[in-house]
Protein backbone atom coordinates (compact mmCIF):
# COMPACT_ATOMS: atom_id res chain seq x y z
CA MET A 1 183.33 -49.50 166.36
CA ALA A 2 186.57 -51.41 166.20
CA ASN A 3 185.13 -54.41 168.03
CA ALA A 4 181.97 -54.63 165.92
CA PRO A 5 181.78 -57.17 163.09
CA GLN A 6 182.35 -55.35 159.83
CA GLY A 7 179.03 -54.30 158.34
CA TRP A 8 177.01 -54.68 161.53
CA LEU A 9 176.09 -52.21 164.28
CA ARG A 10 176.04 -52.74 168.05
CA ALA A 11 174.09 -50.97 170.74
CA ALA A 12 177.25 -51.02 172.85
CA ASP A 13 178.82 -48.59 170.37
CA ALA A 14 176.06 -45.98 170.67
CA ARG A 15 177.44 -42.79 172.20
CA LEU A 16 175.31 -39.80 173.10
CA ASP A 17 178.22 -37.54 172.14
CA ASP A 18 178.05 -38.91 168.60
CA LEU A 19 174.39 -38.02 168.36
CA LEU A 20 175.12 -34.55 169.70
CA GLN A 21 177.63 -34.03 166.88
CA VAL A 22 174.88 -34.90 164.39
CA LEU A 23 172.46 -32.53 166.09
CA LYS A 24 174.80 -29.57 165.64
CA ALA A 25 173.39 -29.25 162.11
CA ARG A 26 171.03 -26.32 161.57
CA THR A 27 168.25 -25.93 159.04
CA ASP A 28 169.20 -23.22 156.54
CA PRO A 29 166.15 -21.32 155.21
CA ALA A 30 168.05 -20.87 151.93
CA ASP A 31 167.73 -24.63 151.38
CA HIS A 32 163.92 -24.31 151.53
CA PRO A 33 163.03 -21.38 149.25
CA ASN A 34 159.42 -22.54 148.90
CA ALA A 35 158.82 -22.73 152.64
CA ASP A 36 156.85 -20.03 154.40
CA ARG A 37 159.33 -20.08 157.30
CA VAL A 38 161.60 -22.31 159.40
CA GLU A 39 160.23 -22.83 162.89
CA GLN A 40 162.24 -24.69 165.53
CA GLU A 41 164.44 -26.13 162.75
CA VAL A 42 161.38 -27.34 160.80
CA PRO A 43 160.44 -25.98 157.31
CA VAL A 44 156.80 -24.97 157.29
CA TYR A 45 155.02 -24.88 153.93
CA ALA A 46 151.66 -23.35 153.01
CA GLY A 47 149.21 -25.90 151.65
CA GLY A 48 148.43 -23.60 148.74
CA VAL A 49 152.07 -23.78 147.62
CA LEU A 50 151.89 -27.58 147.36
CA ARG A 51 148.55 -27.48 145.57
CA ALA A 52 149.92 -24.99 143.02
CA ALA A 53 153.05 -27.09 142.52
CA ALA A 54 151.02 -30.28 142.06
CA ALA A 55 149.02 -28.55 139.28
CA GLU A 56 152.18 -27.63 137.38
CA ALA A 57 153.37 -29.57 134.37
CA GLY A 58 155.70 -32.19 135.82
CA GLY A 59 153.93 -32.18 139.17
CA GLY A 60 156.19 -29.77 141.04
CA ARG A 61 159.50 -31.63 140.72
CA ALA A 62 161.58 -28.75 142.13
CA LEU A 63 159.44 -28.56 145.26
CA GLN A 64 159.47 -32.35 145.62
CA ALA A 65 163.28 -32.37 145.43
CA GLU A 66 163.40 -29.66 148.11
CA ILE A 67 161.14 -31.66 150.40
CA ALA A 68 163.03 -34.90 149.81
CA ARG A 69 166.27 -33.16 150.79
CA ALA A 70 164.63 -31.86 153.93
CA LEU A 71 163.53 -35.37 154.87
CA SER A 72 166.94 -36.96 154.22
CA ALA A 73 169.89 -34.54 154.59
CA GLY A 74 167.91 -31.79 156.33
CA PRO A 75 165.95 -31.81 159.59
CA GLY A 76 164.00 -34.94 158.62
CA ILE A 77 160.59 -33.28 158.96
CA VAL A 78 158.31 -30.78 157.19
CA VAL A 79 154.97 -29.24 158.12
CA VAL A 80 152.23 -28.36 155.61
CA GLU A 81 149.75 -25.85 156.95
CA GLY A 82 146.24 -26.15 155.61
CA ALA A 83 146.90 -29.45 153.86
CA VAL A 84 143.26 -30.61 154.16
CA GLU A 85 140.17 -28.40 154.26
CA PRO A 86 138.81 -28.20 157.86
CA ALA A 87 135.29 -29.06 156.74
CA VAL A 88 136.58 -32.28 155.12
CA VAL A 89 138.56 -33.09 158.26
CA ASP A 90 135.42 -32.65 160.38
CA ARG A 91 133.46 -35.13 158.26
CA VAL A 92 136.23 -37.70 158.59
CA SER A 93 136.61 -37.00 162.32
CA ALA A 94 132.93 -37.70 162.77
CA ALA A 95 133.39 -41.09 161.11
CA PHE A 96 136.41 -41.88 163.27
CA THR A 97 134.55 -40.85 166.44
CA ARG A 98 131.74 -43.22 165.56
CA MET A 99 134.28 -46.03 165.06
CA ILE A 100 135.83 -45.34 168.49
CA GLY A 101 132.39 -45.34 170.07
CA GLU A 102 131.58 -48.68 168.46
CA GLN A 103 134.88 -50.16 169.68
CA ARG A 104 134.15 -49.02 173.23
CA ALA A 105 130.60 -50.32 173.13
CA ALA A 106 131.89 -53.67 171.94
CA GLY A 107 134.51 -53.77 174.71
CA ILE A 108 137.35 -53.83 172.21
CA ALA A 109 140.68 -52.86 173.80
CA VAL A 110 143.28 -51.62 171.34
CA GLY A 111 146.96 -51.41 172.14
CA ASP A 112 149.67 -48.93 171.23
CA HIS A 113 153.20 -49.75 170.14
CA PHE A 114 154.95 -47.17 172.32
CA ALA A 115 152.47 -46.14 175.03
CA LYS A 116 150.69 -47.77 177.93
CA PRO A 117 147.58 -49.75 176.89
CA GLY A 118 144.52 -47.63 177.36
CA ALA A 119 146.36 -44.31 177.29
CA ASN A 120 145.06 -43.61 173.79
CA ASP A 121 142.05 -44.40 171.64
CA ARG A 122 143.17 -46.16 168.46
CA VAL A 123 141.53 -47.12 165.20
CA TRP A 124 143.67 -49.59 163.33
CA ASN A 125 143.31 -49.82 159.55
CA ALA A 126 141.37 -46.57 159.57
CA LEU A 127 141.88 -46.19 155.82
CA GLU A 128 139.81 -49.27 154.93
CA LYS A 129 137.27 -48.62 157.64
CA LEU A 130 136.75 -45.06 156.46
CA ALA A 131 136.37 -46.17 152.84
CA VAL A 132 133.61 -48.57 153.84
CA ALA A 133 131.89 -46.26 156.32
CA ASP A 134 131.92 -43.05 154.29
CA PRO A 135 133.22 -43.36 150.73
CA ASP A 136 132.48 -39.72 149.88
CA ALA A 137 134.44 -38.44 152.85
CA PHE A 138 137.24 -40.81 151.95
CA ALA A 139 137.42 -39.47 148.41
CA ASP A 140 137.39 -35.81 149.50
CA TYR A 141 140.04 -36.45 152.18
CA TYR A 142 142.55 -38.45 150.10
CA ALA A 143 142.26 -36.06 147.16
CA CYS A 144 144.79 -34.07 149.23
CA ASP A 145 147.65 -32.85 147.03
CA ALA A 146 150.00 -32.57 150.00
CA VAL A 147 149.83 -36.30 150.76
CA ALA A 148 150.36 -37.22 147.12
CA LEU A 149 153.15 -34.71 146.46
CA VAL A 150 155.20 -35.52 149.56
CA SER A 151 154.63 -39.28 149.22
CA THR A 152 155.85 -39.24 145.64
CA ALA A 153 158.79 -37.01 146.57
CA TRP A 154 159.98 -39.58 149.11
CA LEU A 155 158.82 -42.90 147.67
CA GLY A 156 158.07 -42.38 143.99
CA PRO A 157 154.87 -43.67 142.35
CA GLY A 158 152.94 -46.76 143.33
CA TYR A 159 153.10 -46.07 147.06
CA GLN A 160 150.62 -47.67 149.47
CA VAL A 161 148.80 -45.63 152.11
CA THR A 162 147.79 -47.02 155.49
CA SER A 163 146.23 -45.01 158.31
CA GLN A 164 145.81 -45.37 162.06
CA VAL A 165 143.76 -42.93 164.13
CA ASN A 166 145.36 -41.93 167.42
CA VAL A 167 143.46 -40.02 170.10
CA VAL A 168 145.27 -38.91 173.25
CA ASN A 169 142.63 -37.87 175.78
CA PRO A 170 143.02 -35.15 178.42
CA GLY A 171 145.47 -36.46 181.01
CA GLY A 172 146.60 -39.19 178.63
CA GLU A 173 150.25 -40.09 178.63
CA GLY A 174 152.23 -39.88 175.43
CA GLN A 175 154.76 -42.26 174.00
CA THR A 176 158.40 -43.03 174.69
CA VAL A 177 160.90 -41.85 172.12
CA HIS A 178 161.31 -44.14 169.16
CA ARG A 179 161.96 -44.51 165.49
CA ASP A 180 159.35 -46.01 163.24
CA TYR A 181 158.60 -48.74 160.73
CA HIS A 182 160.40 -50.96 159.66
CA LEU A 183 163.39 -51.34 162.02
CA GLY A 184 161.79 -49.09 164.58
CA PHE A 185 159.24 -51.78 165.34
CA GLN A 186 161.89 -54.41 166.09
CA SER A 187 163.59 -55.06 169.40
CA PRO A 188 167.22 -53.86 169.61
CA GLU A 189 168.34 -57.49 169.53
CA ILE A 190 166.55 -58.13 166.26
CA SER A 191 167.60 -54.78 164.77
CA ALA A 192 171.24 -55.63 165.48
CA ARG A 193 170.93 -58.73 163.33
CA TYR A 194 170.33 -56.58 160.24
CA PRO A 195 173.50 -55.30 158.55
CA ALA A 196 174.40 -51.61 158.69
CA HIS A 197 173.30 -50.89 155.14
CA VAL A 198 169.77 -52.06 155.99
CA HIS A 199 169.75 -49.50 158.83
CA ASP A 200 170.67 -46.89 156.22
CA LEU A 201 168.04 -48.01 153.68
CA SER A 202 165.07 -48.79 155.93
CA PRO A 203 163.92 -45.15 156.27
CA TYR A 204 163.67 -44.83 152.48
CA LEU A 205 160.95 -47.49 152.36
CA THR A 206 158.38 -45.60 154.46
CA LEU A 207 157.07 -42.06 154.92
CA GLN A 208 155.50 -41.14 158.24
CA GLY A 209 152.78 -38.50 158.30
CA ALA A 210 149.95 -37.18 160.41
CA VAL A 211 146.96 -34.94 159.74
CA ALA A 212 145.70 -32.91 162.69
CA HIS A 213 142.00 -33.49 163.26
CA ARG A 214 141.77 -30.93 166.05
CA ASP A 215 143.64 -27.75 166.81
CA MET A 216 146.67 -28.93 168.77
CA PRO A 217 148.16 -26.35 171.10
CA VAL A 218 151.31 -27.47 172.89
CA GLU A 219 149.42 -28.29 176.07
CA SER A 220 147.41 -30.90 174.17
CA GLY A 221 150.60 -32.84 173.45
CA PRO A 222 151.36 -32.70 169.71
CA THR A 223 154.20 -34.96 168.66
CA LEU A 224 157.70 -34.35 170.02
CA TYR A 225 160.60 -34.38 167.54
CA LEU A 226 164.39 -34.20 167.52
CA PRO A 227 165.28 -32.57 164.16
CA HIS A 228 168.27 -34.02 162.31
CA SER A 229 168.32 -37.16 164.49
CA GLN A 230 167.47 -39.36 161.52
CA LYS A 231 171.08 -39.00 160.40
CA TYR A 232 172.51 -40.80 163.44
CA GLU A 233 173.73 -44.19 162.20
CA LEU A 234 173.05 -46.18 165.36
CA GLY A 235 169.69 -44.62 166.06
CA TYR A 236 167.63 -47.81 165.77
CA LEU A 237 169.70 -49.35 168.56
CA ALA A 238 170.27 -46.16 170.56
CA TYR A 239 166.71 -44.97 171.17
CA TRP A 240 166.17 -47.81 173.60
CA LEU A 241 169.00 -46.61 175.84
CA GLU A 242 168.19 -44.53 178.91
CA GLU A 243 170.68 -41.72 178.27
CA PHE A 244 169.25 -41.17 174.77
CA GLN A 245 165.71 -41.21 176.12
CA ASP A 246 166.66 -38.68 178.81
CA TYR A 247 168.28 -36.41 176.24
CA PHE A 248 165.19 -36.54 174.08
CA THR A 249 162.98 -35.66 177.02
CA GLY A 250 165.02 -32.55 177.73
CA HIS A 251 165.76 -31.34 174.18
CA HIS A 252 162.88 -32.24 171.84
CA ILE A 253 160.86 -29.67 169.94
CA GLN A 254 157.08 -29.51 169.81
CA LEU A 255 155.11 -27.70 167.11
CA PRO A 256 151.50 -26.67 167.65
CA LEU A 257 149.21 -27.58 164.74
CA ARG A 258 145.82 -26.44 163.56
CA LYS A 259 143.03 -28.61 162.22
CA GLY A 260 143.91 -29.68 158.66
CA ASP A 261 147.69 -29.18 159.05
CA ALA A 262 149.89 -32.13 158.16
CA VAL A 263 153.35 -33.15 159.25
CA PHE A 264 155.57 -35.53 157.30
CA PHE A 265 158.81 -37.00 158.59
CA ASN A 266 161.54 -39.51 157.97
CA PRO A 267 160.68 -42.66 160.00
CA ALA A 268 164.21 -42.62 161.48
CA LEU A 269 163.59 -39.27 163.15
CA PHE A 270 163.50 -39.58 166.96
CA HIS A 271 159.94 -38.75 167.92
CA ALA A 272 157.11 -39.52 170.34
CA ALA A 273 153.49 -38.49 170.81
CA GLY A 274 153.23 -35.95 173.64
CA SER A 275 151.25 -36.16 176.87
CA ASN A 276 147.96 -34.32 176.89
CA HIS A 277 148.01 -31.74 179.71
CA SER A 278 144.92 -29.92 178.53
CA ALA A 279 141.64 -29.82 180.40
CA GLY A 280 139.35 -30.73 177.54
CA ILE A 281 141.10 -31.34 174.20
CA ARG A 282 140.78 -34.87 172.81
CA ARG A 283 143.82 -34.68 170.54
CA MET A 284 143.03 -36.60 167.39
CA ALA A 285 145.46 -37.29 164.56
CA ASN A 286 145.22 -39.51 161.54
CA LEU A 287 148.60 -41.19 161.38
CA LEU A 288 149.70 -41.99 157.84
CA GLN A 289 152.22 -44.71 157.22
CA ILE A 290 152.97 -44.72 153.50
CA SER A 291 155.06 -47.51 152.00
CA SER A 292 157.23 -47.85 148.93
CA ALA A 293 155.88 -49.94 146.08
CA PHE A 294 159.18 -51.85 146.16
CA GLY A 295 158.75 -53.42 149.57
CA ARG A 296 157.21 -56.58 148.15
CA ALA A 297 158.32 -59.86 146.57
CA MET A 298 157.94 -60.53 142.86
CA GLU A 299 155.74 -63.64 143.10
CA THR A 300 152.63 -64.48 145.11
CA VAL A 301 153.43 -67.40 147.40
CA ASP A 302 150.97 -69.13 149.73
CA ARG A 303 153.39 -69.47 152.64
CA GLU A 304 150.87 -71.32 154.80
CA ARG A 305 150.50 -73.95 152.09
CA VAL A 306 154.26 -74.27 151.75
CA VAL A 307 154.79 -74.69 155.49
CA ASN A 308 152.04 -77.30 155.84
CA ALA A 309 153.60 -79.22 152.96
CA VAL A 310 157.19 -79.29 154.27
CA TYR A 311 156.62 -79.40 158.04
CA PRO A 312 156.35 -83.23 158.23
CA ALA A 313 159.65 -83.44 156.39
CA LEU A 314 161.21 -81.04 158.88
CA LEU A 315 159.93 -83.14 161.80
CA ALA A 316 161.47 -86.21 160.22
CA ARG A 317 164.81 -84.48 159.67
CA LYS A 318 164.85 -83.19 163.23
CA ALA A 319 164.30 -86.75 164.45
CA ALA A 320 167.12 -87.88 162.17
CA GLY A 321 169.52 -85.47 163.85
CA TRP A 322 169.50 -82.28 161.75
CA ASP A 323 170.83 -79.34 163.73
CA ARG A 324 168.82 -76.22 164.50
CA ARG A 325 170.67 -74.13 161.91
CA ALA A 326 169.72 -76.38 159.02
CA LEU A 327 166.09 -76.48 160.15
CA ALA A 328 166.05 -72.69 160.50
CA ASN A 329 167.38 -72.28 156.99
CA VAL A 330 164.42 -74.23 155.61
CA VAL A 331 161.94 -72.32 157.77
CA ALA A 332 163.37 -69.03 156.44
CA ALA A 333 162.76 -70.14 152.87
CA ALA A 334 159.31 -71.56 153.54
CA ALA A 335 157.59 -69.32 156.12
CA GLU A 336 156.72 -65.65 156.40
CA GLY A 337 159.43 -64.11 158.57
CA TYR A 338 157.83 -60.68 159.13
CA SER A 339 154.90 -59.71 161.30
CA PHE A 340 153.40 -57.17 158.91
CA PRO A 341 151.07 -56.38 157.24
CA THR A 342 148.47 -57.67 159.66
CA ASN A 343 145.18 -56.76 161.37
CA LEU A 344 146.22 -55.19 164.67
CA ASP A 345 142.65 -55.31 165.97
CA ARG A 346 142.97 -59.12 166.14
CA ASP A 347 146.62 -60.00 165.65
CA ARG A 348 147.86 -57.97 168.58
CA PRO A 349 151.44 -57.46 169.75
CA ILE A 350 151.93 -59.38 172.96
CA GLY A 351 155.13 -58.89 174.89
CA GLY A 352 156.56 -56.63 172.21
CA MET A 353 155.73 -54.22 169.40
CA ALA A 354 154.99 -56.83 166.74
CA PRO A 355 152.86 -60.01 166.73
CA PRO A 356 154.60 -63.36 166.30
CA THR A 357 155.62 -64.18 162.75
CA GLN A 358 154.55 -67.29 160.89
CA ALA A 359 158.18 -68.43 161.04
CA ALA A 360 158.19 -68.06 164.84
CA LEU A 361 155.15 -70.35 165.07
CA VAL A 362 156.89 -72.97 162.94
CA GLU A 363 160.13 -72.77 164.93
CA GLU A 364 158.21 -73.11 168.18
CA ALA A 365 156.33 -76.10 166.81
CA LEU A 366 159.58 -77.75 165.77
CA ASP A 367 161.08 -77.16 169.20
CA GLU A 368 158.05 -78.71 170.88
CA GLY A 369 157.56 -81.51 168.36
CA THR A 370 154.02 -80.29 167.65
CA PRO A 371 152.08 -82.61 165.34
CA ALA A 372 151.48 -81.33 161.81
CA GLU A 373 147.71 -81.20 162.31
CA ARG A 374 148.07 -78.94 165.36
CA LEU A 375 150.50 -76.61 163.59
CA ALA A 376 148.08 -76.37 160.66
CA GLU A 377 145.33 -75.23 163.03
CA ARG A 378 147.61 -72.55 164.51
CA LEU A 379 148.65 -71.30 161.10
CA ALA A 380 145.06 -71.14 159.91
CA ALA A 381 144.05 -69.16 163.00
CA GLN A 382 146.97 -66.76 162.45
CA SER A 383 146.03 -66.29 158.80
CA ALA A 384 142.40 -65.61 159.72
CA ALA A 385 143.48 -63.03 162.31
CA ARG A 386 145.51 -61.15 159.67
CA LEU A 387 142.53 -60.61 157.34
CA SER A 388 141.43 -56.99 157.27
CA HIS A 389 137.77 -57.78 157.82
């Protein structure tokens, strides 16, 4: 990367051969003594092992360290068989099915970050919706030791759970290969603006997981993975490139799951939901996106209030000849520069994987010379759309 600015990465420097060198790593069963087996490079644990470890004094620190190594320096993925009791899963599935039916009856179309609109059924913010719809089922479901033990192993205490239900129907197409939240939801152009050390640190802020709500034989399209790919430095820029996508298509692994099994993986792992080639399996998974407690600012700031207060001053300074850079510096300090968290039922991604940020609305308004009153209306509408209910 001799031509790259020091400390930044470029998509032009992504080489498939470099990824192939990373993928030469193999998962050594000796590194996973608590696993039941290693299958297609993936350590597979029995749910009872995690439950027993969680009940130990100290909460199973040795097992947590083993799993954390698997997620970082190892294959980047673990499977927990029998993580949630099937009867509990069925109760929660029934609630999710009712939600999907209500969405369809209301004519609500929900998108997908990495698949064609309409290919899947989605329930955004399924965690909150389940809590309101069936509190008892919620309590029984999230009492799961596997979720707590693996989340704490990767993120430490104070983590935040979110959940999105994904149903790929028979004949439904899967997703394109990608990495996940945070940088995985940005365009390659935006990702390239973040320094290299942020690419290294981003995966440690989030744990990806999924609980199987149906038996998922391979023909039903369980998620595709490329073990060890999370260790490729340029992965957030590379997965957009055709030669990397083609390699993934030809070399991924795919693990069948049974109802109640859970999979957890590093968000930088190359992965994609599979296409459902079955005749009658509506493949349902509860996707868990679990975030570090540390991904938040120290103070509560009403950014909308700040923007409305300073925007007239920005208009005046633009008229006085301030350049775009100076204006952008003020917007960065005043406005919310990130799309999430939001309500994806209402604040939908249009033309990308993330909705417009508050900062983008302000910058657009400045470019157009939008009156302060009109910007205030747009900001209020955006804020209302982000509310969870």
